[in-house]
C-alpha cells in the first residue's frame, strides 16, 4: 500500500496547463511578517494567491503564514460572498491590532506579570520563556486553542495552499517540517500518532524560537528551534514538496508532498520567494572581541547558507526543473528596472536601507514602520512577478496598483509629491527616515522619535527608580527596622549557616564566612552584601522600566503622538492639494 494519499474528489483537476505555484516566506521576526503581508496583498490583488499550491514558512514567515491562511478560511466561511482582497485588508488590520500588544515585553521582559504560572514553573526548570512566547501566540493569533489540523485544505470550496512550517531539530540537526496531514486515507488511520492534534501555536513558536534568545521547544520526542538555522528562506521544503530533492535528502513524509497526478501532469512550476532576512553588510575592521567575532561568524554562516539556497533556485531554473521564479528581498531597489512604474509606485531610495535594517523583533511596530515594510514588500513583488513571472498575471483581473482598501498606506502616500505636494513630501520623508532609523534599536525608540514629551517622562521614571534604589539600600523598613538590603543579606546568611552541617555542634568555625560575607564597616565589603545590593538596585530598575512601559501603554502616548504628527502632515498635504 502506498503512503501517497488518495486525491480528494473535490481537488481541482490537473492537466490544464496552468502553472503550479509555490511560495516561500522567510524568517525575520515581525519585520518579516509585515514585509510578507505586502507580498501576499499583491498576490491577492493579482489573483495569484488563491492559485498557490504550497507555502513554505520560517520563523516570522510562519507567524503570518499560519495566521493569514487560518483567518482567510475563517472569514470566507463566515461570509462566502467576501472578496479575497477585501478579506486580505481586514486580516492586515486585525494583525496590526494583535501585534500592538507587544509580545516581547509581555512574554520576555515582564513575564511574571502576564504569565505568572509559567514564571513559577520556570523556577523549577519545568518551562522556559519559549513556552511563554508560544502561549502569547496562542492568545493573540491562534485562539481558541487551534490544532495543526485547523489549517485549511485545498479543495474547490477553499483553494488554500498546503502550509509547510519549518523548524530545526537540535538533536539530529535536521530540518523538521510540520504540515496538516491527510487523515482520510487508510494509511493515516494505521499511524500510531496524529500530528494534526499538535497545538498550532506551539509549532509556530518552535519555528520562531531564535537560538540564544529562546530555548528549543519540546514537541514529541524532539527539541525544535528556529527553522532559519538550516534554511531561512524556506526554499528547501518547497523543493521537497515538488520532489526535486533526492529521496535520502527529502525531509517531507510522502503524504505531505505533491499529489501523484500533479507530478505527472506536466504543468510548469513557478516559485515565489519573499526574503525579509538580514543582509550581510561589509563592516569596518574594528576592535576584535570574542563576542563580536562569534556574532559576526554566525552572520557569515547564515549568509553562506542563504547564498547556497538561492543558488538552488538558479540551478533549478537553468536545468528547466522550474519554469520561472520571482525573488525579492528587503534591501532590493527596483528603481530603473524594466517594470519600474515610477517614484510613486515604490519606496523612495533613501528609505530602503533604514527599512531593511529595522529590528527583527517580536514587539510593537509603529504605523510608519508597518506601512513602509508592507508597501516595500508589495512593490518589490509586483515588480519581480511582472519582470520574471508575467505568465502568472496574463489576463488576471487584478494587478491594478492598489485594487482596493486604503492603498497605498497613509504614511507612504505622504512621501509621494504627486499625491501630497513637494513640501509635504519633503517633510514626510524626513519624518519617515527618522522613525525608520530609530526602528533599528531594541529599546527607547519612542524617546528618539519624540524627545518631547517622552524624554521627560522617561527621566521622571529614572528618578523614581533611583529614589527606590536608595530607599531599598538605606531607608529602614517598618517592623523589621532595617533596610531591604540588610534584611536580604541577613536572610542569605541564615540560609548559608543552615546548609552547613555541624555548625550548631561547634564542629565548624565560620569565622571565614563572617570575614567573607560581613560588612562590619557599613560598606559593601562582602559577596553577600554586594549581591543583596545588586538585587535591590536591579529590582528598582525593573520597577521603573515597568512603570514607564505601563504608563506609555495605558495612555497610548506614542500612538497618539504619531497620529497627531501624521494628521499635521495630512493637513499640510490638503493645503497644498485641495482636490485630494
Protein backbone atom coordinates (compact mmCIF):
# COMPACT_ATOMS: atom_id res chain seq x y z
CA UNK A 1 0.00 0.00 0.00
CA UNK A 2 1.37 3.40 -0.98
CA UNK A 3 1.60 6.19 1.57
CA UNK A 4 0.65 8.68 -1.15
CA UNK A 5 -2.83 9.96 -0.20
CA UNK A 6 -5.75 9.48 -2.50
CA UNK A 7 -6.79 12.68 -4.25
CA UNK A 8 -9.72 14.46 -2.68
CA UNK A 9 -12.70 14.18 -5.04
CA UNK A 10 -13.03 17.96 -4.77
CA UNK A 11 -9.38 18.52 -5.75
CA UNK A 12 -9.10 20.78 -8.81
CA UNK A 13 -8.34 18.84 -11.93
CA UNK A 14 -4.78 18.78 -13.19
CA UNK A 15 -3.50 18.97 -16.70
CA UNK A 16 -5.00 22.35 -17.61
CA UNK A 17 -1.57 23.85 -18.30
CA UNK A 18 -1.96 26.41 -15.53
CA UNK A 19 1.33 26.92 -13.65
CA UNK A 20 1.78 25.27 -10.28
CA UNK A 21 2.90 27.90 -7.77
CA UNK A 22 4.98 27.62 -4.61
CA UNK A 23 5.53 30.49 -2.18
CA UNK A 24 8.35 30.94 0.37
CA UNK A 25 8.03 33.31 3.35
CA UNK A 26 11.38 33.77 5.09
CA UNK A 27 12.21 34.38 8.73
CA UNK A 28 12.96 37.71 10.40
CA UNK A 29 10.52 38.33 13.29
CA UNK A 30 7.62 40.74 12.87
CA UNK A 31 9.70 42.66 10.35
CA UNK A 32 9.36 39.66 8.07
CA UNK A 33 5.67 39.27 8.91
CA UNK A 34 4.84 42.80 7.76
CA UNK A 35 7.04 42.53 4.65
CA UNK A 36 5.31 39.27 3.71
CA UNK A 37 1.90 40.89 4.21
CA UNK A 38 2.82 43.25 1.38
CA UNK A 39 3.84 40.30 -0.77
CA UNK A 40 0.60 38.46 -0.02
CA UNK A 41 -1.50 41.54 -0.69
CA UNK A 42 -0.04 41.91 -4.16
CA UNK A 43 -0.55 38.21 -4.88
CA UNK A 44 -4.18 38.52 -3.79
CA UNK A 45 -4.64 41.62 -5.94
CA UNK A 46 -3.16 39.87 -8.99
CA UNK A 47 -5.28 36.76 -8.46
CA UNK A 48 -2.20 34.63 -7.77
CA UNK A 49 -2.57 33.81 -4.07
CA UNK A 50 -5.63 31.61 -4.49
CA UNK A 51 -3.68 29.55 -7.06
CA UNK A 52 -0.68 28.97 -4.78
CA UNK A 53 -0.32 25.24 -4.13
CA UNK A 54 2.19 25.21 -1.25
CA UNK A 55 3.61 27.82 1.15
CA UNK A 56 6.90 27.15 2.96
CA UNK A 57 7.43 29.37 6.03
CA UNK A 58 10.17 30.08 8.56
CA UNK A 59 10.05 31.99 11.87
CA UNK A 60 8.31 35.34 11.25
CA UNK A 61 7.02 33.93 7.98
CA UNK A 62 5.43 31.07 9.92
CA UNK A 63 3.61 33.54 12.19
CA UNK A 64 1.96 35.42 9.34
CA UNK A 65 1.61 32.40 7.05
CA UNK A 66 -0.37 30.35 9.58
CA UNK A 67 -2.35 33.35 10.81
CA UNK A 68 -3.26 34.53 7.32
CA UNK A 69 -4.39 31.15 5.99
CA UNK A 70 -6.48 30.36 9.07
CA UNK A 71 -8.08 33.82 9.08
CA UNK A 72 -8.79 33.79 5.33
CA UNK A 73 -10.62 30.47 5.61
CA UNK A 74 -12.48 31.61 8.74
CA UNK A 75 -13.68 34.87 7.16
CA UNK A 76 -14.59 33.34 3.78
CA UNK A 77 -16.51 30.57 5.53
CA UNK A 78 -18.46 33.08 7.64
CA UNK A 79 -19.11 35.36 4.64
CA UNK A 80 -18.96 33.36 1.37
CA UNK A 81 -19.53 36.50 -0.72
CA UNK A 82 -16.50 38.28 0.79
CA UNK A 83 -13.94 39.26 -1.82
CA UNK A 84 -10.46 37.86 -1.19
CA UNK A 85 -8.76 41.26 -1.47
CA UNK A 86 -11.23 42.80 0.96
CA UNK A 87 -10.65 39.89 3.34
CA UNK A 88 -6.89 40.43 2.95
CA UNK A 89 -7.23 44.08 4.00
CA UNK A 90 -9.32 43.03 7.01
CA UNK A 91 -6.70 40.47 8.04
CA UNK A 92 -3.92 43.07 7.75
CA UNK A 93 -5.79 45.41 10.10
CA UNK A 94 -6.55 42.56 12.51
CA UNK A 95 -2.86 41.59 12.56
CA UNK A 96 -1.94 45.21 13.34
CA UNK A 97 -4.25 45.11 16.35
CA UNK A 98 -2.89 41.79 17.66
CA UNK A 99 0.76 42.83 17.30
CA UNK A 100 0.03 46.08 19.16
CA UNK A 101 0.14 44.19 22.47
CA UNK A 102 3.97 43.99 22.34
CA UNK A 103 4.64 40.26 22.71
CA UNK A 104 8.31 40.71 23.61
CA UNK A 105 7.61 42.84 26.66
CA UNK A 106 4.75 40.63 27.81
CA UNK A 107 6.34 37.24 27.23
CA UNK A 108 10.00 38.04 27.88
CA UNK A 109 10.74 41.20 29.87
CA UNK A 110 7.66 41.42 32.10
CA UNK A 111 6.70 37.76 32.02
CA UNK A 112 5.91 37.48 35.80
CA UNK A 113 3.03 39.93 35.40
CA UNK A 114 1.46 38.37 32.33
CA UNK A 115 2.42 34.68 32.67
CA UNK A 116 2.74 34.04 36.44
CA UNK A 117 2.18 30.27 36.23
CA UNK A 118 4.81 29.79 33.54
CA UNK A 119 7.21 32.00 35.51
CA UNK A 120 6.71 29.85 38.62
CA UNK A 121 7.28 26.66 36.62
CA UNK A 122 10.42 28.18 35.13
CA UNK A 123 11.97 28.39 38.60
CA UNK A 124 11.92 24.59 38.67
CA UNK A 125 13.09 24.32 35.04
CA UNK A 126 9.74 22.84 34.01
CA UNK A 127 9.05 25.63 31.50
CA UNK A 128 11.01 28.45 29.87
CA UNK A 129 10.32 31.69 28.04
CA UNK A 130 9.84 29.96 24.68
CA UNK A 131 6.73 28.42 26.26
CA UNK A 132 5.58 31.90 27.26
CA UNK A 133 6.04 33.12 23.69
CA UNK A 134 4.10 30.12 22.34
CA UNK A 135 1.35 30.91 24.85
CA UNK A 136 1.32 34.51 23.64
CA UNK A 137 0.97 33.30 20.04
CA UNK A 138 -1.96 31.17 21.11
CA UNK A 139 -3.74 34.08 22.81
CA UNK A 140 -3.06 36.60 20.09
CA UNK A 141 -3.13 34.71 16.81
CA UNK A 142 -4.45 31.17 17.23
CA UNK A 143 -7.30 31.44 19.70
CA UNK A 144 -9.17 29.39 20.66
CA UNK A 145 -6.55 26.68 21.02
CA UNK A 146 -6.19 25.74 17.36
CA UNK A 147 -4.54 22.45 16.41
CA UNK A 148 -2.38 21.88 13.36
CA UNK A 149 -5.41 20.25 11.79
CA UNK A 150 -7.18 23.64 11.77
CA UNK A 151 -5.08 24.68 8.78
CA UNK A 152 -7.18 24.80 5.60
CA UNK A 153 -7.12 22.14 2.90
CA UNK A 154 -7.14 22.69 -0.84
CA UNK A 155 -10.49 21.96 -2.45
CA UNK A 156 -12.98 23.53 -4.84
CA UNK A 157 -14.72 25.33 -1.97
CA UNK A 158 -11.50 26.66 -0.45
CA UNK A 159 -8.49 26.97 -2.71
CA UNK A 160 -5.99 27.22 0.12
CA UNK A 161 -2.36 26.13 -0.17
CA UNK A 162 -0.62 23.47 1.88
CA UNK A 163 1.37 25.16 4.63
CA UNK A 164 4.85 23.80 5.42
CA UNK A 165 6.17 25.13 8.77
CA UNK A 166 9.94 24.71 9.05
CA UNK A 167 11.81 24.02 12.30
CA UNK A 168 15.27 22.66 13.15
CA UNK A 169 15.89 19.66 15.39
CA UNK A 170 18.66 20.43 17.87
CA UNK A 171 19.00 16.68 18.49
CA UNK A 172 19.50 15.40 14.95
CA UNK A 173 20.48 18.70 13.31
CA UNK A 174 17.91 18.09 10.56
CA UNK A 175 15.12 20.23 9.21
CA UNK A 176 11.74 19.16 10.62
CA UNK A 177 8.65 20.27 8.70
CA UNK A 178 5.09 20.34 10.02
CA UNK A 179 2.02 20.35 7.84
CA UNK A 180 -1.62 19.44 8.05
CA UNK A 181 -1.68 15.81 7.05
CA UNK A 182 -4.43 13.97 5.24
CA UNK A 183 -6.44 11.90 7.73
CA UNK A 184 -8.97 10.39 5.33
CA UNK A 185 -6.88 7.55 3.90
CA UNK A 186 -6.36 4.13 5.41
CA UNK A 187 -2.64 4.68 5.84
CA UNK A 188 -3.26 7.65 8.13
CA UNK A 189 -5.62 5.57 10.28
CA UNK A 190 -2.90 2.97 10.84
CA UNK A 191 -0.48 5.60 12.19
CA UNK A 192 0.08 5.47 15.95
CA UNK A 193 0.05 9.25 16.38
CA UNK A 194 -1.88 12.11 14.85
CA UNK A 195 0.30 15.14 14.19
CA UNK A 196 -2.82 17.17 13.33
CA UNK A 197 -3.60 17.36 17.04
CA UNK A 198 -0.44 19.35 17.85
CA UNK A 199 -1.11 22.93 19.00
CA UNK A 200 -0.57 25.24 16.03
CA UNK A 201 0.76 27.99 18.30
CA UNK A 202 3.44 25.69 19.69
CA UNK A 203 4.57 24.58 16.24
CA UNK A 204 4.79 28.22 15.11
CA UNK A 205 6.58 29.06 18.37
CA UNK A 206 9.19 26.38 17.65
CA UNK A 207 9.66 27.75 14.13
CA UNK A 208 10.31 31.22 15.65
CA UNK A 209 12.48 30.08 18.60
CA UNK A 210 15.65 32.02 17.76
CA UNK A 211 18.74 30.30 19.23
CA UNK A 212 20.29 32.31 22.05
CA UNK A 213 17.04 34.15 22.75
CA UNK A 214 14.83 31.10 23.26
CA UNK A 215 15.47 27.54 24.27
CA UNK A 216 14.32 24.87 21.84
CA UNK A 217 10.71 23.82 22.32
CA UNK A 218 9.93 20.20 23.06
CA UNK A 219 7.41 18.69 20.66
CA UNK A 220 7.02 14.94 20.98
CA UNK A 221 10.45 13.41 21.46
CA UNK A 222 12.33 16.23 19.75
CA UNK A 223 13.73 19.63 20.70
CA UNK A 224 12.95 22.13 17.95
CA UNK A 225 14.38 25.59 17.25
CA UNK A 226 14.10 28.25 14.56
CA UNK A 227 13.88 26.78 11.07
CA UNK A 228 16.19 29.54 9.85
CA UNK A 229 19.17 27.71 11.33
CA UNK A 230 19.29 25.43 8.27
CA UNK A 231 17.26 27.42 5.69
CA UNK A 232 15.95 30.88 6.49
CA UNK A 233 14.22 31.27 3.11
CA UNK A 234 12.20 28.03 3.19
CA UNK A 235 13.26 27.02 -0.33
CA UNK A 236 14.41 23.51 0.63
CA UNK A 237 10.95 22.47 1.81
CA UNK A 238 9.36 23.56 -1.45
CA UNK A 239 11.95 21.50 -3.30
CA UNK A 240 10.94 18.58 -1.11
CA UNK A 241 7.25 19.19 -1.74
CA UNK A 242 7.69 19.22 -5.52
CA UNK A 243 10.12 16.27 -5.13
CA UNK A 244 13.10 17.96 -6.74
CA UNK A 245 15.25 16.66 -3.87
CA UNK A 246 16.90 13.26 -3.93
CA UNK A 247 14.96 10.80 -1.81
CA UNK A 248 17.53 10.42 1.01
CA UNK A 249 17.57 14.22 1.42
CA UNK A 250 13.80 14.76 1.29
CA UNK A 251 12.55 15.73 4.78
CA UNK A 252 8.84 15.60 3.97
CA UNK A 253 6.82 12.43 4.55
CA UNK A 254 5.18 11.18 1.34
CA UNK A 255 1.69 12.23 2.42
CA UNK A 256 2.85 15.87 2.80
CA UNK A 257 4.21 16.08 -0.75
CA UNK A 258 2.53 16.81 -4.08
CA UNK A 259 -0.20 14.53 -5.43
CA UNK A 260 0.99 11.91 -7.86
CA UNK A 261 -1.39 13.19 -10.56
CA UNK A 262 0.09 16.70 -10.24
CA UNK A 263 3.59 15.33 -10.60
CA UNK A 264 2.67 13.59 -13.85
CA UNK A 265 0.58 16.46 -15.22
CA UNK A 266 3.47 18.20 -16.92
CA UNK A 267 2.29 21.61 -15.68
CA UNK A 268 5.12 24.18 -15.28
CA UNK A 269 6.24 25.06 -11.74
CA UNK A 270 6.85 28.65 -10.64
CA UNK A 271 8.38 29.59 -7.28
CA UNK A 272 7.92 32.91 -5.48
CA UNK A 273 10.37 33.81 -2.70
CA UNK A 274 9.77 36.71 -0.29
CA UNK A 275 13.01 37.21 1.65
CA UNK A 276 12.96 39.51 4.70
CA UNK A 277 16.18 38.13 6.21
CA UNK A 278 19.02 40.49 7.04
CA UNK A 279 21.77 41.13 4.53
CA UNK A 280 25.43 40.69 5.49
CA UNK A 281 26.92 44.18 5.50
CA UNK A 282 30.61 44.88 4.95
CA UNK A 283 31.66 46.41 8.27
CA UNK A 284 34.72 48.28 9.44
CA UNK A 285 37.57 46.26 10.90
CA UNK A 286 37.14 47.48 14.46
CA UNK A 287 38.50 46.01 17.64
CA UNK A 288 38.19 42.22 17.58
CA UNK A 289 36.44 40.63 20.56
CA UNK A 290 35.38 37.06 21.22
CA UNK A 291 31.69 38.02 21.43
CA UNK A 292 31.81 40.26 18.37
CA UNK A 293 33.71 37.62 16.43
CA UNK A 294 31.16 34.95 17.35
CA UNK A 295 28.20 37.14 16.30
CA UNK A 296 29.90 38.08 13.04
CA UNK A 297 30.79 34.46 12.31
CA UNK A 298 27.16 33.39 12.77
CA UNK A 299 26.09 36.16 10.37
CA UNK A 300 28.66 34.99 7.82
CA UNK A 301 27.45 31.40 8.20
CA UNK A 302 23.82 32.44 7.68
CA UNK A 303 24.81 34.47 4.61
CA UNK A 304 26.61 31.46 3.16
CA UNK A 305 23.61 29.20 3.75
CA UNK A 306 21.41 31.82 2.10
CA UNK A 307 23.74 32.05 -0.89
CA UNK A 308 23.69 28.29 -1.42
CA UNK A 309 19.92 28.19 -1.00
CA UNK A 310 19.42 30.85 -3.66
CA UNK A 311 21.83 29.02 -5.96
CA UNK A 312 19.36 26.14 -5.87
CA UNK A 313 16.81 28.42 -7.49
CA UNK A 314 19.20 29.45 -10.25
CA UNK A 315 20.30 25.88 -10.95
CA UNK A 316 16.70 24.62 -10.98
CA UNK A 317 15.77 27.34 -13.47
CA UNK A 318 18.76 26.70 -15.70
CA UNK A 319 18.07 22.99 -15.97
CA UNK A 320 14.35 23.76 -16.50
CA UNK A 321 13.22 21.97 -13.35
CA UNK A 322 11.18 25.10 -12.65
CA UNK A 323 9.78 27.31 -15.36
CA UNK A 324 10.44 30.61 -13.58
CA UNK A 325 10.89 32.21 -10.18
CA UNK A 326 10.36 35.64 -8.61
CA UNK A 327 12.68 36.61 -5.77
CA UNK A 328 12.50 39.79 -3.67
CA UNK A 329 14.46 40.81 -0.59
CA UNK A 330 14.32 43.76 1.79
CA UNK A 331 17.41 45.59 0.55
CA UNK A 332 16.36 45.43 -3.12
CA UNK A 333 15.85 48.66 -5.04
CA UNK A 334 13.94 48.27 -8.34
CA UNK A 335 14.48 51.88 -9.41
CA UNK A 336 15.18 51.95 -13.14
CA UNK A 337 14.29 48.29 -13.71
CA UNK A 338 12.31 47.14 -16.73
CA UNK A 339 8.96 47.13 -14.90
CA UNK A 340 9.53 50.20 -12.71
CA UNK A 341 6.23 52.10 -12.51
CA UNK A 342 7.80 55.31 -11.28
CA UNK A 343 8.58 57.02 -7.94
CA UNK A 344 5.03 56.83 -6.59
CA UNK A 345 4.88 53.05 -7.02
CA UNK A 346 7.90 52.12 -4.93
CA UNK A 347 9.56 53.11 -1.67
CA UNK A 348 11.93 56.11 -2.05
CA UNK A 349 15.54 55.02 -2.37
CA UNK A 350 16.71 56.83 0.77
CA UNK A 351 14.14 54.90 2.86
CA UNK A 352 15.06 51.42 1.63
CA UNK A 353 18.23 50.98 3.73
CA UNK A 354 16.64 52.02 7.07
CA UNK A 355 13.59 49.87 6.27
CA UNK A 356 15.81 46.85 5.58
CA UNK A 357 17.65 47.44 8.88
CA UNK A 358 14.58 47.57 11.11
CA UNK A 359 14.98 45.24 14.07
CA UNK A 360 13.98 41.58 13.79
CA UNK A 361 11.89 41.57 16.94
CA UNK A 362 8.53 40.49 18.33
CA UNK A 363 7.41 43.81 19.78
CA UNK A 364 5.16 46.69 18.75
CA UNK A 365 5.85 48.25 15.36
CA UNK A 366 4.79 51.82 14.71
CA UNK A 367 2.35 52.59 11.84
CA UNK A 368 5.17 54.16 9.84
CA UNK A 369 7.33 51.03 10.20
CA UNK A 370 4.40 48.78 9.26
CA UNK A 371 3.43 50.91 6.26
CA UNK A 372 6.99 51.05 4.94
CA UNK A 373 7.51 47.28 5.24
CA UNK A 374 4.15 46.34 3.71
CA UNK A 375 4.45 48.82 0.83
CA UNK A 376 8.04 47.75 0.14
CA UNK A 377 7.08 44.07 0.07
CA UNK A 378 4.11 44.85 -2.18
CA UNK A 379 6.01 46.92 -4.74
CA UNK A 380 9.02 44.62 -4.87
CA UNK A 381 6.92 41.53 -5.50
CA UNK A 382 4.83 43.40 -8.05
CA UNK A 383 7.98 44.33 -9.95
CA UNK A 384 9.53 40.85 -9.69
CA UNK A 385 6.42 38.99 -10.84
CA UNK A 386 5.95 41.35 -13.78
CA UNK A 387 9.62 41.03 -14.72
CA UNK A 388 10.14 37.28 -14.39
CA UNK A 389 6.76 35.55 -13.98
CA UNK A 390 4.45 37.59 -16.17
CA UNK A 391 2.64 34.42 -17.25
CA UNK A 392 1.08 34.32 -13.77
CA UNK A 393 -0.77 37.61 -14.30
CA UNK A 394 -1.54 37.46 -18.03
CA UNK A 395 -5.25 38.03 -18.24
CA UNK A 396 -5.58 38.39 -14.45
CA UNK A 397 -8.42 40.52 -13.19
CA UNK A 398 -6.25 42.16 -10.55
CA UNK A 399 -2.82 43.81 -10.66
CA UNK A 400 -4.23 47.32 -10.64
CA UNK A 401 -1.71 49.01 -8.34
CA UNK A 402 -3.82 49.04 -5.22
CA UNK A 403 -7.01 47.21 -6.02
CA UNK A 404 -9.00 48.45 -3.01
CA UNK A 405 -8.88 49.40 0.62
CA UNK A 406 -6.63 52.17 1.93
CA UNK A 407 -3.83 51.94 -0.57
CA UNK A 408 -1.07 52.95 -0.66
CA UNK A 409 -0.72 53.03 3.13
CA UNK A 410 -1.34 56.52 4.59
CA UNK A 411 2.19 57.39 5.68
CA UNK A 412 3.70 56.14 2.39
CA UNK A 413 1.24 58.22 0.35
CA UNK A 414 2.56 61.34 2.09
CA UNK A 415 6.07 60.94 0.65
CA UNK A 416 4.81 60.94 -2.96
CA UNK A 417 4.96 64.51 -4.37
CA UNK A 418 2.28 63.69 -6.95
CA UNK A 419 -0.18 62.92 -4.14
CA UNK A 420 0.88 65.32 -1.38
CA UNK A 421 2.86 68.14 -2.96
CA UNK A 422 6.62 68.88 -2.79
CA UNK A 423 6.70 70.50 0.67
CA UNK A 424 4.61 67.81 2.35
CA UNK A 425 6.61 65.06 0.63
CA UNK A 426 9.91 66.60 1.79
CA UNK A 427 8.82 66.87 5.41
CA UNK A 428 7.19 63.44 5.36
CA UNK A 429 10.35 61.78 4.06
CA UNK A 430 12.37 63.40 6.84
CA UNK A 431 9.89 62.13 9.45
CA UNK A 432 9.83 58.61 7.98
CA UNK A 433 13.62 58.47 7.82
CA UNK A 434 13.84 59.48 11.49
CA UNK A 435 11.31 56.84 12.51
CA UNK A 436 12.85 54.07 10.44
CA UNK A 437 16.38 54.81 11.70
CA UNK A 438 15.09 54.72 15.27
CA UNK A 439 13.39 51.41 14.43
CA UNK A 440 16.74 49.66 14.39
CA UNK A 441 17.05 49.99 18.18
CA UNK A 442 15.61 47.45 20.58
CA UNK A 443 14.92 49.90 23.42
CA UNK A 444 13.81 53.51 23.95
CA UNK A 445 12.89 54.06 20.31
CA UNK A 446 9.99 56.30 21.31
CA UNK A 447 12.29 58.69 23.16
CA UNK A 448 14.37 59.09 20.00
CA UNK A 449 11.23 59.70 17.93
CA UNK A 450 9.53 62.03 20.39
CA UNK A 451 12.14 63.61 22.71
CA UNK A 452 9.32 65.79 23.97
CA UNK A 453 7.31 64.78 25.99
CA UNK A 454 8.55 61.16 26.26
CA UNK A 455 12.05 62.31 27.25
CA UNK A 456 10.83 63.99 30.47
CA UNK A 457 8.54 61.03 31.19
CA UNK A 458 11.49 58.63 30.89
CA UNK A 459 13.60 60.95 33.04
CA UNK A 460 10.89 61.07 35.71
CA UNK A 461 10.76 57.29 35.95
CA UNK A 462 14.58 57.14 36.02
CA UNK A 463 14.48 59.48 39.02
CA UNK A 464 11.81 57.31 40.66
CA UNK A 465 13.98 54.27 40.07
CA UNK A 466 16.97 55.99 41.66
CA UNK A 467 14.86 57.02 44.67
CA UNK A 468 13.51 53.48 45.04
CA UNK A 469 17.01 52.02 44.86
CA UNK A 470 18.25 54.46 47.51
CA UNK A 471 15.30 53.61 49.73
CA UNK A 472 15.89 49.86 49.44
CA UNK A 473 19.58 50.30 50.27
CA UNK A 474 19.40 52.86 53.07
CA UNK A 475 15.90 53.51 54.42
CA UNK A 476 14.78 51.20 57.26
CA UNK A 477 11.61 49.24 56.56
CA UNK A 478 8.69 49.27 59.02
CA UNK A 479 8.53 46.49 61.63
CA UNK A 480 11.93 44.97 60.85
CA UNK A 481 13.76 48.34 61.35
CA UNK A 482 16.37 47.51 58.73
CA UNK A 483 16.87 48.33 55.08
CA UNK A 484 15.80 45.88 52.39
CA UNK A 485 19.44 45.28 51.54
CA UNK A 486 20.32 44.43 55.16
CA UNK A 487 17.26 42.21 55.55
CA UNK A 488 18.10 40.33 52.36
CA UNK A 489 21.75 39.94 53.41
CA UNK A 490 20.74 38.51 56.81
CA UNK A 491 18.31 36.04 55.21
CA UNK A 492 21.01 34.79 52.81
CA UNK A 493 23.48 34.43 55.68
CA UNK A 494 20.92 32.44 57.67
CA UNK A 495 20.42 30.07 54.73
CA UNK A 496 24.17 29.61 54.33
CA UNK A 497 24.57 28.80 58.01
CA UNK A 498 21.61 26.39 57.93
CA UNK A 499 23.04 24.48 54.99
CA UNK A 500 26.39 23.73 56.67
CA UNK A 501 26.12 20.56 58.80
CA UNK A 502 27.65 20.50 62.25
CA UNK A 503 27.63 24.23 62.81
CA UNK A 504 25.35 24.02 65.87
CA UNK A 505 27.72 21.46 67.43
CA UNK A 506 30.65 23.79 67.15
CA UNK A 507 32.49 21.46 64.78
CA UNK A 508 32.98 24.12 62.12
CA UNK A 509 34.44 27.58 62.59
CA UNK A 510 32.53 30.06 60.45
CA UNK A 511 34.90 32.95 61.04
CA UNK A 512 35.98 32.72 57.43
CA UNK A 513 32.33 33.11 56.34
CA UNK A 514 31.89 36.15 58.55
CA UNK A 515 35.05 37.67 57.11
CA UNK A 516 33.98 36.88 53.55
CA UNK A 517 30.36 37.92 53.78
CA UNK A 518 30.34 40.50 56.55
CA UNK A 519 30.18 44.25 56.23
CA UNK A 520 31.49 45.45 59.55
CA UNK A 521 32.31 48.97 58.36
CA UNK A 522 28.95 49.58 56.72
CA UNK A 523 30.28 49.38 53.15
CA UNK A 524 29.74 46.58 50.63
CA UNK A 525 32.72 44.59 51.84
CA UNK A 526 31.42 41.08 51.20
CA UNK A 527 29.98 38.96 48.47
CA UNK A 528 26.52 38.61 50.02
CA UNK A 529 26.33 42.31 50.81
CA UNK A 530 27.16 43.14 47.23
CA UNK A 531 24.71 40.59 45.85
CA UNK A 532 21.93 41.91 48.08
CA UNK A 533 22.64 45.47 46.99
CA UNK A 534 22.69 44.41 43.32
CA UNK A 535 19.34 42.66 43.77
CA UNK A 536 17.81 45.80 45.28
CA UNK A 537 19.15 48.03 42.52
CA UNK A 538 18.02 45.55 39.87
CA UNK A 539 14.53 45.46 41.32
CA UNK A 540 14.38 49.27 41.34
CA UNK A 541 15.44 49.48 37.69
CA UNK A 542 12.96 46.76 36.73
CA UNK A 543 10.12 48.54 38.56
CA UNK A 544 10.99 51.86 36.91
CA UNK A 545 11.02 50.24 33.43
CA UNK A 546 7.69 48.55 34.09
CA UNK A 547 6.21 51.83 35.29
CA UNK A 548 7.45 53.71 32.22
CA UNK A 549 6.20 51.00 29.85
CA UNK A 550 2.89 50.73 31.74
CA UNK A 551 2.21 54.46 31.55
CA UNK A 552 3.02 54.50 27.81
CA UNK A 553 0.75 51.51 27.25
CA UNK A 554 -2.09 52.84 29.43
CA UNK A 555 -2.23 56.28 27.81
CA UNK A 556 -1.01 55.05 24.38
CA UNK A 557 1.37 58.00 24.24
CA UNK A 558 3.49 57.02 21.17
CA UNK A 559 0.40 56.09 19.14
CA UNK A 560 -1.35 59.36 19.98
CA UNK A 561 1.68 61.47 19.14
CA UNK A 562 2.25 59.61 15.91
CA UNK A 563 -1.38 60.09 14.88
CA UNK A 564 -1.13 63.81 15.66
CA UNK A 565 2.05 64.09 13.63
CA UNK A 566 0.51 62.28 10.64
CA UNK A 567 -2.61 64.43 10.95
CA UNK A 568 -0.47 67.58 10.72
CA UNK A 569 1.28 66.21 7.61
CA UNK A 570 -2.06 65.31 6.04
CA UNK A 571 -3.34 68.83 6.77
CA UNK A 572 -0.24 70.20 5.03
CA UNK A 573 -0.98 67.91 2.09
CA UNK A 574 -4.58 69.09 1.89
CA UNK A 575 -3.48 72.72 1.95
CA UNK A 576 -1.15 72.11 -0.98
CA UNK A 577 -3.55 69.77 -2.82
CA UNK A 578 -7.12 70.86 -2.03
CA UNK A 579 -8.52 68.49 -4.66
CA UNK A 580 -7.04 65.48 -2.87
